[in-house]
Amino acid sequence: MSALAWLAPGDPFPPASQALDDPAGLLAAGADLSANTLLRAYRRGIFPWYSDGQPILWWSPDPRLVLFPERFHVSRRLLRSLRQPHWRFSLNTAFEQVISACADTPRRGQGGTWITDEMHHAYCQLHRLGHAHSLEVWHHSELVGGIYGVRVGRAFFGESMFSHARDASKAAMAMLCRIHGTLQMELLDCQVESAHLLSLGAEILPRKEFEQQLAVLTAADTPPWPVIQPGELSFASTAPTNR
């Protein structure tokens, strides 16, 4: 069994094949949360996940849960709901509010949050640099849902989402997938298996296959994601986009 790799800032990440079996997918500890380190990690399909009081822990699960945006499943009931005029959507207008809501929203089976102050600061810095993005869901003028993550090339690595109204987090994913062509997003990384995400069309990939796809997608030269104000996107007016 491989020993856990301990990294100093700037050290290269070990091959994902060296990740532990118990806990499954744990690859390394240490390093830092600088923008350069995070982007190097995401290009390899590695992400940080740890709690206060722990060192920074880096993960590469096998298998991997991914969603190809054109295969996102929207039920008839959900689509009817999303066409109601009270729903409004935006992109990159409330990133700090979204990550704060993801950290503060209670979750079943979890006693706290893994979005530490250090993580919050690091991802807000990534957002300011144009690498981290959020899609927001509004009920009239109230922020009720959203998703945030990191974009590298044509891959988007979903980090967390929240919902303060029925269907709000589903709405965020649905809109993100609906405009995937405009965003030049071909893969949404969902990290670990979830029955909820599988019901929305997510698929399980072996880590090796996931890494092969990432090597192509993260090398793509793509334009920055735009800022889209609330009300400029809706299911009533936005047609699905294709690759």
Protein backbone atom coordinates (compact mmCIF):
# COMPACT_ATOMS: atom_id res chain seq x y z
CA MET A 1 0.00 0.00 0.00
CA SER A 2 1.31 3.45 -0.88
CA ALA A 3 2.27 5.86 1.89
CA LEU A 4 0.60 9.26 1.92
CA ALA A 5 2.72 11.87 0.14
CA TRP A 6 3.48 15.03 2.14
CA LEU A 7 4.06 18.06 -0.06
CA ALA A 8 5.86 21.34 0.49
CA PRO A 9 4.55 24.39 -1.42
CA GLY A 10 5.55 24.04 -5.06
CA ASP A 11 6.15 20.28 -4.93
CA PRO A 12 4.68 18.28 -7.83
CA PHE A 13 1.66 16.11 -7.14
CA PRO A 14 2.29 12.35 -7.22
CA PRO A 15 0.56 10.16 -9.83
CA ALA A 16 -3.11 9.64 -9.01
CA SER A 17 -2.48 5.88 -9.09
CA GLN A 18 -0.74 6.34 -5.72
CA ALA A 19 -3.97 7.46 -4.01
CA LEU A 20 -4.88 5.44 -0.92
CA ASP A 21 -7.61 2.84 -0.80
CA ASP A 22 -8.49 3.84 2.77
CA PRO A 23 -9.58 6.57 2.88
CA ALA A 24 -10.41 6.03 -0.76
CA GLY A 25 -8.90 8.58 -3.11
CA LEU A 26 -6.67 10.43 -0.62
CA LEU A 27 -3.53 11.28 -2.59
CA ALA A 28 -1.45 13.80 -0.64
CA ALA A 29 -1.31 16.29 2.21
CA GLY A 30 0.32 19.67 2.57
CA ALA A 31 1.30 22.13 -0.20
CA ASP A 32 -0.76 25.32 -0.25
CA LEU A 33 -3.90 26.84 -1.78
CA SER A 34 -2.21 29.33 -4.07
CA ALA A 35 -3.81 29.86 -7.47
CA ASN A 36 -0.91 28.12 -9.17
CA THR A 37 -1.17 25.05 -6.93
CA LEU A 38 -4.94 24.79 -7.33
CA LEU A 39 -4.80 25.07 -11.12
CA ARG A 40 -2.03 22.47 -11.31
CA ALA A 41 -4.18 20.18 -9.20
CA TYR A 42 -7.38 20.64 -11.21
CA ARG A 43 -5.61 19.98 -14.49
CA ARG A 44 -4.79 16.57 -13.03
CA GLY A 45 -8.26 15.99 -11.60
CA ILE A 46 -7.05 16.54 -8.02
CA PHE A 47 -8.98 18.68 -5.54
CA PRO A 48 -8.57 19.82 -1.91
CA TRP A 49 -11.03 18.69 0.76
CA TYR A 50 -10.35 18.96 4.47
CA SER A 51 -11.74 20.39 7.70
CA ASP A 52 -10.49 23.00 10.15
CA GLY A 53 -7.62 21.63 12.20
CA GLN A 54 -6.45 19.26 9.44
CA PRO A 55 -3.63 19.77 6.96
CA ILE A 56 -4.68 20.47 3.37
CA LEU A 57 -5.75 17.10 1.97
CA TRP A 58 -5.73 16.36 -1.77
CA TRP A 59 -8.04 13.79 -3.38
CA SER A 60 -8.38 11.88 -6.63
CA PRO A 61 -11.29 9.42 -6.32
CA ASP A 62 -11.62 6.30 -8.44
CA PRO A 63 -14.12 6.04 -10.02
CA ARG A 64 -15.11 9.63 -10.78
CA LEU A 65 -18.59 11.08 -11.15
CA VAL A 66 -18.96 13.37 -14.17
CA LEU A 67 -21.80 14.98 -16.07
CA PHE A 68 -21.74 15.60 -19.80
CA PRO A 69 -23.90 18.73 -20.06
CA GLU A 70 -25.93 17.63 -23.07
CA ARG A 71 -27.03 14.55 -21.09
CA PHE A 72 -28.39 16.47 -18.10
CA HIS A 73 -31.84 15.14 -17.30
CA VAL A 74 -34.59 17.70 -16.68
CA SER A 75 -37.88 16.13 -15.63
CA ARG A 76 -41.13 17.54 -17.00
CA ARG A 77 -42.12 18.72 -13.55
CA LEU A 78 -38.80 20.53 -13.07
CA LEU A 79 -38.96 22.11 -16.51
CA ARG A 80 -42.50 23.40 -15.85
CA SER A 81 -41.24 24.87 -12.58
CA LEU A 82 -38.19 26.51 -14.17
CA ARG A 83 -40.32 28.24 -16.80
CA GLN A 84 -42.15 30.21 -14.14
CA PRO A 85 -41.35 33.94 -14.37
CA HIS A 86 -40.20 34.28 -10.75
CA TRP A 87 -36.98 32.34 -11.52
CA ARG A 88 -34.02 34.49 -12.57
CA PHE A 89 -30.47 33.38 -13.32
CA SER A 90 -27.09 35.09 -13.49
CA LEU A 91 -23.45 34.18 -14.03
CA ASN A 92 -20.51 35.51 -12.03
CA THR A 93 -22.44 38.31 -10.31
CA ALA A 94 -22.47 37.01 -6.71
CA PHE A 95 -19.57 34.59 -6.33
CA GLU A 96 -18.73 35.45 -2.72
CA GLN A 97 -22.40 35.20 -1.74
CA VAL A 98 -22.64 31.76 -3.35
CA ILE A 99 -19.53 30.31 -1.69
CA SER A 100 -20.61 31.79 1.66
CA ALA A 101 -24.07 30.25 1.30
CA CYS A 102 -22.51 26.89 0.40
CA ALA A 103 -20.43 27.07 3.57
CA ASP A 104 -23.27 28.21 5.85
CA THR A 105 -26.14 26.02 4.63
CA PRO A 106 -26.71 23.02 6.95
CA ARG A 107 -26.43 19.64 5.22
CA ARG A 108 -27.91 16.36 6.33
CA GLY A 109 -25.29 14.11 7.92
CA GLN A 110 -22.66 16.86 8.19
CA GLY A 111 -21.78 18.60 11.42
CA GLY A 112 -19.86 21.46 9.84
CA THR A 113 -18.38 22.75 6.62
CA TRP A 114 -15.25 21.86 4.69
CA ILE A 115 -15.24 25.37 3.15
CA THR A 116 -12.80 26.80 5.67
CA ASP A 117 -11.83 30.46 5.78
CA GLU A 118 -8.62 29.48 3.97
CA MET A 119 -10.60 27.73 1.22
CA HIS A 120 -13.02 30.67 0.97
CA HIS A 121 -10.15 33.11 0.46
CA ALA A 122 -8.39 30.86 -2.07
CA TYR A 123 -11.44 30.38 -4.30
CA CYS A 124 -12.41 34.04 -4.16
CA GLN A 125 -8.89 34.79 -5.35
CA LEU A 126 -9.34 32.27 -8.18
CA HIS A 127 -12.57 34.06 -9.07
CA ARG A 128 -10.84 37.43 -9.18
CA LEU A 129 -8.24 35.88 -11.51
CA GLY A 130 -10.99 34.57 -13.82
CA HIS A 131 -10.66 30.85 -13.02
CA ALA A 132 -13.51 30.24 -10.55
CA HIS A 133 -17.12 30.94 -11.47
CA SER A 134 -20.61 30.88 -10.05
CA LEU A 135 -24.08 30.53 -11.48
CA GLU A 136 -26.74 32.13 -9.32
CA VAL A 137 -30.46 31.40 -8.97
CA TRP A 138 -32.80 34.15 -7.82
CA HIS A 139 -36.43 34.09 -6.73
CA HIS A 140 -37.39 37.58 -7.84
CA SER A 141 -34.54 39.55 -6.15
CA GLU A 142 -33.58 36.97 -3.48
CA LEU A 143 -30.58 34.67 -4.00
CA VAL A 144 -31.97 31.18 -3.34
CA GLY A 145 -29.50 28.83 -5.01
CA GLY A 146 -26.23 28.53 -6.83
CA ILE A 147 -23.22 26.49 -7.81
CA TYR A 148 -19.54 27.42 -7.93
CA GLY A 149 -16.43 25.74 -9.23
CA VAL A 150 -13.25 26.05 -11.26
CA ARG A 151 -13.00 26.19 -15.04
CA VAL A 152 -9.89 24.94 -16.81
CA GLY A 153 -10.17 24.78 -20.59
CA ARG A 154 -13.40 22.99 -21.49
CA ALA A 155 -13.81 21.33 -18.09
CA PHE A 156 -15.71 22.76 -15.14
CA PHE A 157 -14.96 21.29 -11.72
CA GLY A 158 -18.03 21.72 -9.56
CA GLU A 159 -17.11 22.40 -5.94
CA SER A 160 -20.37 22.98 -4.12
CA MET A 161 -23.94 24.18 -4.51
CA PHE A 162 -26.73 25.29 -2.21
CA SER A 163 -30.49 25.53 -2.23
CA HIS A 164 -32.72 27.77 -0.12
CA ALA A 165 -35.84 27.04 -2.19
CA ARG A 166 -37.29 23.92 -3.75
CA ASP A 167 -35.38 22.92 -6.92
CA ALA A 168 -32.94 25.85 -6.66
CA SER A 169 -29.72 23.79 -6.82
CA LYS A 170 -31.19 21.66 -9.62
CA ALA A 171 -32.07 24.89 -11.39
CA ALA A 172 -28.46 26.06 -11.13
CA MET A 173 -27.12 22.86 -12.67
CA ALA A 174 -29.84 22.85 -15.30
CA MET A 175 -29.04 26.37 -16.48
CA LEU A 176 -25.30 25.76 -16.40
CA CYS A 177 -25.78 22.73 -18.64
CA ARG A 178 -28.29 24.56 -20.83
CA ILE A 179 -25.72 27.24 -21.77
CA HIS A 180 -22.74 24.87 -21.95
CA GLY A 181 -22.19 25.60 -25.64
CA THR A 182 -21.89 29.32 -25.02
CA LEU A 183 -19.46 28.61 -22.18
CA GLN A 184 -17.55 25.98 -24.20
CA MET A 185 -17.95 23.54 -21.32
CA GLU A 186 -17.86 19.89 -22.31
CA LEU A 187 -17.56 18.18 -18.92
CA LEU A 188 -18.84 18.97 -15.42
CA ASP A 189 -16.85 17.17 -12.74
CA CYS A 190 -19.05 16.08 -9.84
CA GLN A 191 -16.19 14.41 -7.91
CA VAL A 192 -17.78 11.52 -5.99
CA GLU A 193 -20.78 9.27 -6.56
CA SER A 194 -24.16 10.62 -5.49
CA ALA A 195 -27.57 9.05 -6.10
CA HIS A 196 -29.03 12.54 -6.52
CA LEU A 197 -26.56 13.50 -9.25
CA LEU A 198 -26.87 10.12 -10.96
CA SER A 199 -30.62 10.78 -11.21
CA LEU A 200 -29.82 14.02 -13.07
CA GLY A 201 -27.72 12.26 -15.71
CA ALA A 202 -24.26 12.07 -14.13
CA GLU A 203 -22.09 9.08 -15.07
CA ILE A 204 -19.31 7.10 -13.41
CA LEU A 205 -15.93 7.03 -15.15
CA PRO A 206 -12.83 5.06 -14.18
CA ARG A 207 -10.13 7.46 -13.01
CA LYS A 208 -7.80 6.55 -15.87
CA GLU A 209 -10.46 7.40 -18.46
CA PHE A 210 -11.29 10.61 -16.60
CA GLU A 211 -7.62 11.64 -16.65
CA GLN A 212 -7.39 10.92 -20.37
CA GLN A 213 -10.36 13.17 -21.07
CA LEU A 214 -8.98 15.90 -18.82
CA ALA A 215 -5.65 15.92 -20.66
CA VAL A 216 -7.51 17.01 -23.80
CA LEU A 217 -10.16 19.27 -22.27
CA THR A 218 -7.92 21.25 -19.92
CA ALA A 219 -5.43 21.96 -22.72
CA ALA A 220 -8.08 23.75 -24.79
CA ASP A 221 -7.71 27.50 -25.33
CA THR A 222 -11.07 29.04 -24.42
CA PRO A 223 -12.31 32.61 -23.90
CA PRO A 224 -13.18 33.91 -20.41
CA TRP A 225 -16.63 33.24 -19.06
CA PRO A 226 -18.78 36.37 -19.13
CA VAL A 227 -20.69 38.20 -16.44
CA ILE A 228 -24.42 37.79 -17.09
CA GLN A 229 -26.76 39.91 -15.01
CA PRO A 230 -29.90 38.56 -13.28
CA GLY A 231 -32.80 38.31 -15.67
CA GLU A 232 -30.72 37.88 -18.83
CA LEU A 233 -31.07 34.08 -18.66
CA SER A 234 -34.29 32.13 -18.32
CA PHE A 235 -35.77 28.81 -19.36
CA ALA A 236 -38.50 30.69 -21.16
CA SER A 237 -36.05 32.48 -23.44
CA THR A 238 -32.79 30.49 -23.50
CA ALA A 239 -32.63 27.65 -25.99
CA PRO A 240 -30.42 24.66 -25.23
CA THR A 241 -26.94 24.89 -26.71
CA ASN A 242 -24.90 22.11 -28.25
CA ARG A 243 -21.22 21.46 -28.64
